[in-house]
């Protein structure tokens, strides 16, 4: 099955409004041909590597694993990796949300970023898989308690893009079989980790999830950068 994203759905990033730093990030508004996208940008000067992070159908700034996303945004700066959190315009629309991520990629590419990691929770797992299938610059994808609908393009990511899937066996929203389905679709390099006593947000294993995801992102992006020399 090809990506749900269709060439007829075009988004043009017309401008980016960047505000002064608030806390650890810069608020950014991407003005596009399909509406404005609000982002939080964890800046690293002259960064060549970046991660984009998105949530589920709840929209807003939701994050799994007890504020995993803002924590990663701060910590990855020390590794020379910029981060962009994206707030969907239409958080239940897979095509529009995929376009939001692709717009974020364009914004960061204009700043000189060359290698990307994408992280998505729940509905966002399908979003980042769809976006990775559209961009050859994505080197790794991380899904947390992903849905299965819209994830078929995972089969097209190898070998340029690795895949890490995390899921709680006690997830009452999306069964662990969703991540198992994606794992079976994908080719190497891939990894599936299941947590017996964790729910949909993986709050019960937040510390472990943070370590696994942070180490995976750093390792995969550094490996991609080394192979480009």
C-alpha atoms as a PDB file:
ATOM      1  CA  UNK A   1       0.000   0.000   0.000  1.00  0.00           C
ATOM      2  CA  UNK A   2       1.497   3.391  -0.949  1.00  0.00           C
ATOM      3  CA  UNK A   3       1.602   6.304   1.486  1.00  0.00           C
ATOM      4  CA  UNK A   4      -1.786   7.873   2.144  1.00  0.00           C
ATOM      5  CA  UNK A   5      -0.208  11.232   1.347  1.00  0.00           C
ATOM      6  CA  UNK A   6      -1.062  12.157  -2.239  1.00  0.00           C
ATOM      7  CA  UNK A   7       0.813  14.515  -4.542  1.00  0.00           C
ATOM      8  CA  UNK A   8      -2.420  16.446  -5.046  1.00  0.00           C
ATOM      9  CA  UNK A   9      -2.217  17.510  -1.432  1.00  0.00           C
ATOM     10  CA  UNK A  10       0.365  20.235  -1.694  1.00  0.00           C
ATOM     11  CA  UNK A  11       1.569  22.463   1.113  1.00  0.00           C
ATOM     12  CA  UNK A  12       3.857  25.419   0.543  1.00  0.00           C
ATOM     13  CA  UNK A  13       5.704  26.932   3.501  1.00  0.00           C
ATOM     14  CA  UNK A  14       5.406  30.643   2.787  1.00  0.00           C
ATOM     15  CA  UNK A  15       7.036  32.100   5.872  1.00  0.00           C
ATOM     16  CA  UNK A  16       8.176  31.314   9.399  1.00  0.00           C
ATOM     17  CA  UNK A  17       7.583  33.625  12.349  1.00  0.00           C
ATOM     18  CA  UNK A  18      10.116  32.986  15.107  1.00  0.00           C
ATOM     19  CA  UNK A  19       9.579  34.516  18.524  1.00  0.00           C
ATOM     20  CA  UNK A  20      12.159  35.117  21.274  1.00  0.00           C
ATOM     21  CA  UNK A  21      13.038  32.116  23.389  1.00  0.00           C
ATOM     22  CA  UNK A  22      10.515  30.993  26.017  1.00  0.00           C
ATOM     23  CA  UNK A  23      11.946  28.623  28.597  1.00  0.00           C
ATOM     24  CA  UNK A  24      14.074  26.180  26.573  1.00  0.00           C
ATOM     25  CA  UNK A  25      12.453  26.659  23.158  1.00  0.00           C
ATOM     26  CA  UNK A  26      11.590  29.264  20.548  1.00  0.00           C
ATOM     27  CA  UNK A  27       7.902  29.480  19.572  1.00  0.00           C
ATOM     28  CA  UNK A  28       7.656  29.209  15.788  1.00  0.00           C
ATOM     29  CA  UNK A  29       4.653  29.676  13.525  1.00  0.00           C
ATOM     30  CA  UNK A  30       4.951  28.196  10.054  1.00  0.00           C
ATOM     31  CA  UNK A  31       2.684  30.084   7.663  1.00  0.00           C
ATOM     32  CA  UNK A  32       1.656  27.738   4.872  1.00  0.00           C
ATOM     33  CA  UNK A  33      -0.740  27.556   1.968  1.00  0.00           C
ATOM     34  CA  UNK A  34      -2.988  25.333   4.104  1.00  0.00           C
ATOM     35  CA  UNK A  35      -2.923  27.314   7.354  1.00  0.00           C
ATOM     36  CA  UNK A  36      -0.547  28.064  10.211  1.00  0.00           C
ATOM     37  CA  UNK A  37       1.367  25.391  12.115  1.00  0.00           C
ATOM     38  CA  UNK A  38       2.561  26.139  15.651  1.00  0.00           C
ATOM     39  CA  UNK A  39       5.885  24.633  16.729  1.00  0.00           C
ATOM     40  CA  UNK A  40       8.371  24.680  19.577  1.00  0.00           C
ATOM     41  CA  UNK A  41      11.936  24.802  18.360  1.00  0.00           C
ATOM     42  CA  UNK A  42      14.811  23.639  20.555  1.00  0.00           C
ATOM     43  CA  UNK A  43      17.582  25.445  18.745  1.00  0.00           C
ATOM     44  CA  UNK A  44      21.094  24.177  18.130  1.00  0.00           C
ATOM     45  CA  UNK A  45      23.266  26.562  16.151  1.00  0.00           C
ATOM     46  CA  UNK A  46      24.427  25.147  12.802  1.00  0.00           C
ATOM     47  CA  UNK A  47      22.765  21.805  13.547  1.00  0.00           C
ATOM     48  CA  UNK A  48      22.972  19.160  10.830  1.00  0.00           C
ATOM     49  CA  UNK A  49      20.769  16.709  12.758  1.00  0.00           C
ATOM     50  CA  UNK A  50      17.276  17.186  14.166  1.00  0.00           C
ATOM     51  CA  UNK A  51      14.313  15.303  15.561  1.00  0.00           C
ATOM     52  CA  UNK A  52      10.641  16.124  14.993  1.00  0.00           C
ATOM     53  CA  UNK A  53       8.163  15.064  17.686  1.00  0.00           C
ATOM     54  CA  UNK A  54       4.387  14.732  17.395  1.00  0.00           C
ATOM     55  CA  UNK A  55       1.581  13.482  19.597  1.00  0.00           C
ATOM     56  CA  UNK A  56      -1.776  11.812  19.080  1.00  0.00           C
ATOM     57  CA  UNK A  57      -5.304  12.790  18.096  1.00  0.00           C
ATOM     58  CA  UNK A  58      -5.613  14.920  21.222  1.00  0.00           C
ATOM     59  CA  UNK A  59      -3.478  17.543  19.515  1.00  0.00           C
ATOM     60  CA  UNK A  60      -2.130  20.435  21.567  1.00  0.00           C
ATOM     61  CA  UNK A  61       1.320  19.725  23.096  1.00  0.00           C
ATOM     62  CA  UNK A  62       0.596  16.263  24.453  1.00  0.00           C
ATOM     63  CA  UNK A  63       3.580  14.058  25.195  1.00  0.00           C
ATOM     64  CA  UNK A  64       3.870  10.382  26.205  1.00  0.00           C
ATOM     65  CA  UNK A  65       5.999   8.988  29.023  1.00  0.00           C
ATOM     66  CA  UNK A  66       5.668  11.851  31.511  1.00  0.00           C
ATOM     67  CA  UNK A  67       6.803  14.811  29.394  1.00  0.00           C
ATOM     68  CA  UNK A  68       9.229  12.812  27.276  1.00  0.00           C
ATOM     69  CA  UNK A  69       9.145  15.319  24.428  1.00  0.00           C
ATOM     70  CA  UNK A  70      10.226  18.483  26.269  1.00  0.00           C
ATOM     71  CA  UNK A  71      12.847  16.461  28.121  1.00  0.00           C
ATOM     72  CA  UNK A  72      14.308  15.161  24.858  1.00  0.00           C
ATOM     73  CA  UNK A  73      14.222  18.646  23.384  1.00  0.00           C
ATOM     74  CA  UNK A  74      16.449  19.940  26.165  1.00  0.00           C
ATOM     75  CA  UNK A  75      18.789  16.966  26.493  1.00  0.00           C
ATOM     76  CA  UNK A  76      19.431  16.409  22.786  1.00  0.00           C
ATOM     77  CA  UNK A  77      20.702  19.973  22.475  1.00  0.00           C
ATOM     78  CA  UNK A  78      23.780  18.806  24.376  1.00  0.00           C
ATOM     79  CA  UNK A  79      24.304  16.161  21.675  1.00  0.00           C
ATOM     80  CA  UNK A  80      24.150  18.758  18.912  1.00  0.00           C
ATOM     81  CA  UNK A  81      20.663  17.642  17.837  1.00  0.00           C
ATOM     82  CA  UNK A  82      17.932  20.239  17.362  1.00  0.00           C
ATOM     83  CA  UNK A  83      14.277  19.398  18.069  1.00  0.00           C
ATOM     84  CA  UNK A  84      10.976  20.620  16.688  1.00  0.00           C
ATOM     85  CA  UNK A  85       7.695  19.818  18.396  1.00  0.00           C
ATOM     86  CA  UNK A  86       4.724  20.259  16.084  1.00  0.00           C
ATOM     87  CA  UNK A  87       1.117  21.006  17.013  1.00  0.00           C
ATOM     88  CA  UNK A  88      -1.191  19.590  14.351  1.00  0.00           C
ATOM     89  CA  UNK A  89      -3.628  21.871  12.547  1.00  0.00           C
ATOM     90  CA  UNK A  90      -6.145  19.014  12.254  1.00  0.00           C
ATOM     91  CA  UNK A  91      -5.133  16.329  14.773  1.00  0.00           C
ATOM     92  CA  UNK A  92      -7.527  13.647  13.503  1.00  0.00           C
ATOM     93  CA  UNK A  93      -6.601  13.967   9.814  1.00  0.00           C
ATOM     94  CA  UNK A  94      -3.721  11.707   8.793  1.00  0.00           C
ATOM     95  CA  UNK A  95      -2.994  13.446   5.486  1.00  0.00           C
ATOM     96  CA  UNK A  96      -3.042  16.962   6.933  1.00  0.00           C
ATOM     97  CA  UNK A  97      -0.950  15.909   9.930  1.00  0.00           C
ATOM     98  CA  UNK A  98       1.605  14.276   7.627  1.00  0.00           C
ATOM     99  CA  UNK A  99       1.804  17.545   5.712  1.00  0.00           C
ATOM    100  CA  UNK A 100       2.462  19.343   9.015  1.00  0.00           C
ATOM    101  CA  UNK A 101       5.494  17.121   9.625  1.00  0.00           C
ATOM    102  CA  UNK A 102       6.736  17.589   6.055  1.00  0.00           C
ATOM    103  CA  UNK A 103       6.421  21.351   6.536  1.00  0.00           C
ATOM    104  CA  UNK A 104       8.527  21.038   9.687  1.00  0.00           C
ATOM    105  CA  UNK A 105      11.133  19.125   7.686  1.00  0.00           C
ATOM    106  CA  UNK A 106      11.221  21.916   5.109  1.00  0.00           C
ATOM    107  CA  UNK A 107      11.643  24.543   7.817  1.00  0.00           C
ATOM    108  CA  UNK A 108      14.598  22.697   9.347  1.00  0.00           C
ATOM    109  CA  UNK A 109      16.154  21.930   5.964  1.00  0.00           C
ATOM    110  CA  UNK A 110      16.150  25.653   5.237  1.00  0.00           C
ATOM    111  CA  UNK A 111      18.225  26.018   8.407  1.00  0.00           C
ATOM    112  CA  UNK A 112      20.790  23.523   7.152  1.00  0.00           C
ATOM    113  CA  UNK A 113      19.599  20.309   8.798  1.00  0.00           C
ATOM    114  CA  UNK A 114      20.445  17.245   6.706  1.00  0.00           C
ATOM    115  CA  UNK A 115      19.577  14.186   8.850  1.00  0.00           C
ATOM    116  CA  UNK A 116      16.270  13.624  10.628  1.00  0.00           C
ATOM    117  CA  UNK A 117      14.635  11.446  13.242  1.00  0.00           C
ATOM    118  CA  UNK A 118      10.857  11.404  13.667  1.00  0.00           C
ATOM    119  CA  UNK A 119       8.992  10.420  16.839  1.00  0.00           C
ATOM    120  CA  UNK A 120       5.238   9.902  17.061  1.00  0.00           C
ATOM    121  CA  UNK A 121       2.857   8.735  19.778  1.00  0.00           C
ATOM    122  CA  UNK A 122      -0.368   6.802  19.059  1.00  0.00           C
ATOM    123  CA  UNK A 123      -1.954   8.369  15.933  1.00  0.00           C
ATOM    124  CA  UNK A 124       1.386  10.151  15.551  1.00  0.00           C
ATOM    125  CA  UNK A 125       3.083   6.827  14.867  1.00  0.00           C
ATOM    126  CA  UNK A 126       1.242   6.562  11.558  1.00  0.00           C
ATOM    127  CA  UNK A 127       1.951  10.235  10.860  1.00  0.00           C
ATOM    128  CA  UNK A 128       5.724   9.880  11.189  1.00  0.00           C
ATOM    129  CA  UNK A 129       5.816   6.661   9.166  1.00  0.00           C
ATOM    130  CA  UNK A 130       3.872   8.406   6.396  1.00  0.00           C
ATOM    131  CA  UNK A 131       6.242  11.394   6.514  1.00  0.00           C
ATOM    132  CA  UNK A 132       9.362   9.216   6.537  1.00  0.00           C
ATOM    133  CA  UNK A 133       8.132   7.441   3.418  1.00  0.00           C
ATOM    134  CA  UNK A 134       7.999  10.829   1.692  1.00  0.00           C
ATOM    135  CA  UNK A 135      11.412  12.163   2.748  1.00  0.00           C
ATOM    136  CA  UNK A 136      14.738  10.482   1.925  1.00  0.00           C
ATOM    137  CA  UNK A 137      16.427  12.559   4.630  1.00  0.00           C
ATOM    138  CA  UNK A 138      14.723  10.699   7.496  1.00  0.00           C
ATOM    139  CA  UNK A 139      17.186   8.247   9.026  1.00  0.00           C
ATOM    140  CA  UNK A 140      15.135   6.776  11.860  1.00  0.00           C
ATOM    141  CA  UNK A 141      11.541   6.626  13.092  1.00  0.00           C
ATOM    142  CA  UNK A 142      10.378   5.986  16.657  1.00  0.00           C
ATOM    143  CA  UNK A 143       6.752   5.089  17.370  1.00  0.00           C
ATOM    144  CA  UNK A 144       5.241   4.930  20.836  1.00  0.00           C
ATOM    145  CA  UNK A 145       1.991   2.933  21.160  1.00  0.00           C
ATOM    146  CA  UNK A 146       1.282   3.411  17.479  1.00  0.00           C
ATOM    147  CA  UNK A 147      -1.985   2.705  15.714  1.00  0.00           C
ATOM    148  CA  UNK A 148      -1.804   0.291  12.784  1.00  0.00           C
ATOM    149  CA  UNK A 149      -3.967   2.203  10.297  1.00  0.00           C
ATOM    150  CA  UNK A 150      -1.797   4.210   7.914  1.00  0.00           C
ATOM    151  CA  UNK A 151       1.449   2.433   8.807  1.00  0.00           C
ATOM    152  CA  UNK A 152       1.812   0.233   5.699  1.00  0.00           C
ATOM    153  CA  UNK A 153       4.572   2.472   4.257  1.00  0.00           C
ATOM    154  CA  UNK A 154       6.823   1.069   7.011  1.00  0.00           C
ATOM    155  CA  UNK A 155       7.598  -1.673   4.502  1.00  0.00           C
ATOM    156  CA  UNK A 156       9.283   0.911   2.241  1.00  0.00           C
ATOM    157  CA  UNK A 157      11.662   2.479   4.773  1.00  0.00           C
ATOM    158  CA  UNK A 158      14.517  -0.046   4.761  1.00  0.00           C
ATOM    159  CA  UNK A 159      17.398   0.180   4.472  1.00  0.00           C
ATOM    160  CA  UNK A 160      17.838   3.931   4.673  1.00  0.00           C
ATOM    161  CA  UNK A 161      15.640   4.389   7.736  1.00  0.00           C
ATOM    162  CA  UNK A 162      15.639   2.357  10.956  1.00  0.00           C
ATOM    163  CA  UNK A 163      12.522   1.780  13.045  1.00  0.00           C
ATOM    164  CA  UNK A 164      12.029   1.543  16.815  1.00  0.00           C
ATOM    165  CA  UNK A 165       8.607   0.575  18.171  1.00  0.00           C
ATOM    166  CA  UNK A 166       7.610   0.813  21.847  1.00  0.00           C
ATOM    167  CA  UNK A 167       4.287  -0.429  23.219  1.00  0.00           C
ATOM    168  CA  UNK A 168       2.688  -1.332  26.536  1.00  0.00           C
ATOM    169  CA  UNK A 169       1.007  -4.725  26.802  1.00  0.00           C
ATOM    170  CA  UNK A 170      -1.576  -3.188  29.156  1.00  0.00           C
ATOM    171  CA  UNK A 171      -2.501  -0.467  26.640  1.00  0.00           C
ATOM    172  CA  UNK A 172      -6.318  -0.037  26.833  1.00  0.00           C
ATOM    173  CA  UNK A 173      -6.464   2.235  23.763  1.00  0.00           C
ATOM    174  CA  UNK A 174      -4.412   0.493  21.079  1.00  0.00           C
ATOM    175  CA  UNK A 175      -3.401  -3.160  21.527  1.00  0.00           C
ATOM    176  CA  UNK A 176       0.229  -4.196  21.320  1.00  0.00           C
ATOM    177  CA  UNK A 177      -0.690  -6.090  18.155  1.00  0.00           C
ATOM    178  CA  UNK A 178      -0.640  -2.720  16.350  1.00  0.00           C
ATOM    179  CA  UNK A 179       3.109  -2.353  16.899  1.00  0.00           C
ATOM    180  CA  UNK A 180       3.641  -6.050  16.207  1.00  0.00           C
ATOM    181  CA  UNK A 181       1.892  -5.578  12.853  1.00  0.00           C
ATOM    182  CA  UNK A 182       4.197  -2.699  11.926  1.00  0.00           C
ATOM    183  CA  UNK A 183       7.241  -4.657  13.058  1.00  0.00           C
ATOM    184  CA  UNK A 184       6.290  -7.535  10.774  1.00  0.00           C
ATOM    185  CA  UNK A 185       5.832  -5.138   7.861  1.00  0.00           C
ATOM    186  CA  UNK A 186       9.209  -3.486   8.277  1.00  0.00           C
ATOM    187  CA  UNK A 187      12.605  -4.767   7.231  1.00  0.00           C
ATOM    188  CA  UNK A 188      15.848  -4.391   9.138  1.00  0.00           C
ATOM    189  CA  UNK A 189      17.076  -2.344  10.866  1.00  0.00           C
ATOM    190  CA  UNK A 190      14.169  -2.502  13.305  1.00  0.00           C
ATOM    191  CA  UNK A 191      13.466  -3.143  16.980  1.00  0.00           C
ATOM    192  CA  UNK A 192      10.300  -3.770  18.991  1.00  0.00           C
ATOM    193  CA  UNK A 193      10.186  -3.332  22.765  1.00  0.00           C
ATOM    194  CA  UNK A 194       7.069  -4.226  24.766  1.00  0.00           C
ATOM    195  CA  UNK A 195       6.457  -3.297  28.395  1.00  0.00           C
ATOM    196  CA  UNK A 196       4.262  -5.778  30.329  1.00  0.00           C
ATOM    197  CA  UNK A 197       2.738  -3.373  32.848  1.00  0.00           C
ATOM    198  CA  UNK A 198       2.598  -0.157  30.799  1.00  0.00           C
ATOM    199  CA  UNK A 199      -0.466   1.601  29.432  1.00  0.00           C
ATOM    200  CA  UNK A 200      -1.017   3.797  26.409  1.00  0.00           C
ATOM    201  CA  UNK A 201       1.199   6.691  27.510  1.00  0.00           C
ATOM    202  CA  UNK A 202       3.927   4.453  28.953  1.00  0.00           C
ATOM    203  CA  UNK A 203       4.032   6.655  32.049  1.00  0.00           C
ATOM    204  CA  UNK A 204       4.761   3.577  34.165  1.00  0.00           C
ATOM    205  CA  UNK A 205       8.107   3.086  32.410  1.00  0.00           C
ATOM    206  CA  UNK A 206       8.861   6.722  31.567  1.00  0.00           C
ATOM    207  CA  UNK A 207      12.455   6.657  32.817  1.00  0.00           C
ATOM    208  CA  UNK A 208      13.309   3.579  30.779  1.00  0.00           C
ATOM    209  CA  UNK A 209      11.556   4.939  27.684  1.00  0.00           C
ATOM    210  CA  UNK A 210      13.537   8.172  27.941  1.00  0.00           C
ATOM    211  CA  UNK A 211      16.859   6.316  28.070  1.00  0.00           C
ATOM    212  CA  UNK A 212      15.956   3.958  25.230  1.00  0.00           C
ATOM    213  CA  UNK A 213      14.685   6.715  22.922  1.00  0.00           C
ATOM    214  CA  UNK A 214      17.455   9.181  23.671  1.00  0.00           C
ATOM    215  CA  UNK A 215      20.177   6.603  23.109  1.00  0.00           C
ATOM    216  CA  UNK A 216      18.490   5.312  19.942  1.00  0.00           C
ATOM    217  CA  UNK A 217      18.184   8.787  18.410  1.00  0.00           C
ATOM    218  CA  UNK A 218      21.786   9.723  19.148  1.00  0.00           C
ATOM    219  CA  UNK A 219      23.112   6.391  17.895  1.00  0.00           C
ATOM    220  CA  UNK A 220      21.072   6.334  14.713  1.00  0.00           C
ATOM    221  CA  UNK A 221      21.724   9.932  13.720  1.00  0.00           C
ATOM    222  CA  UNK A 222      25.428   9.659  14.481  1.00  0.00           C
ATOM    223  CA  UNK A 223      25.593   6.455  12.438  1.00  0.00           C
ATOM    224  CA  UNK A 224      23.847   8.167   9.520  1.00  0.00           C
ATOM    225  CA  UNK A 225      26.199  11.146   9.707  1.00  0.00           C
ATOM    226  CA  UNK A 226      29.284   8.895   9.810  1.00  0.00           C
ATOM    227  CA  UNK A 227      28.147   6.912   6.773  1.00  0.00           C
ATOM    228  CA  UNK A 228      27.812  10.096   4.734  1.00  0.00           C
ATOM    229  CA  UNK A 229      31.547  10.827   4.864  1.00  0.00           C
END
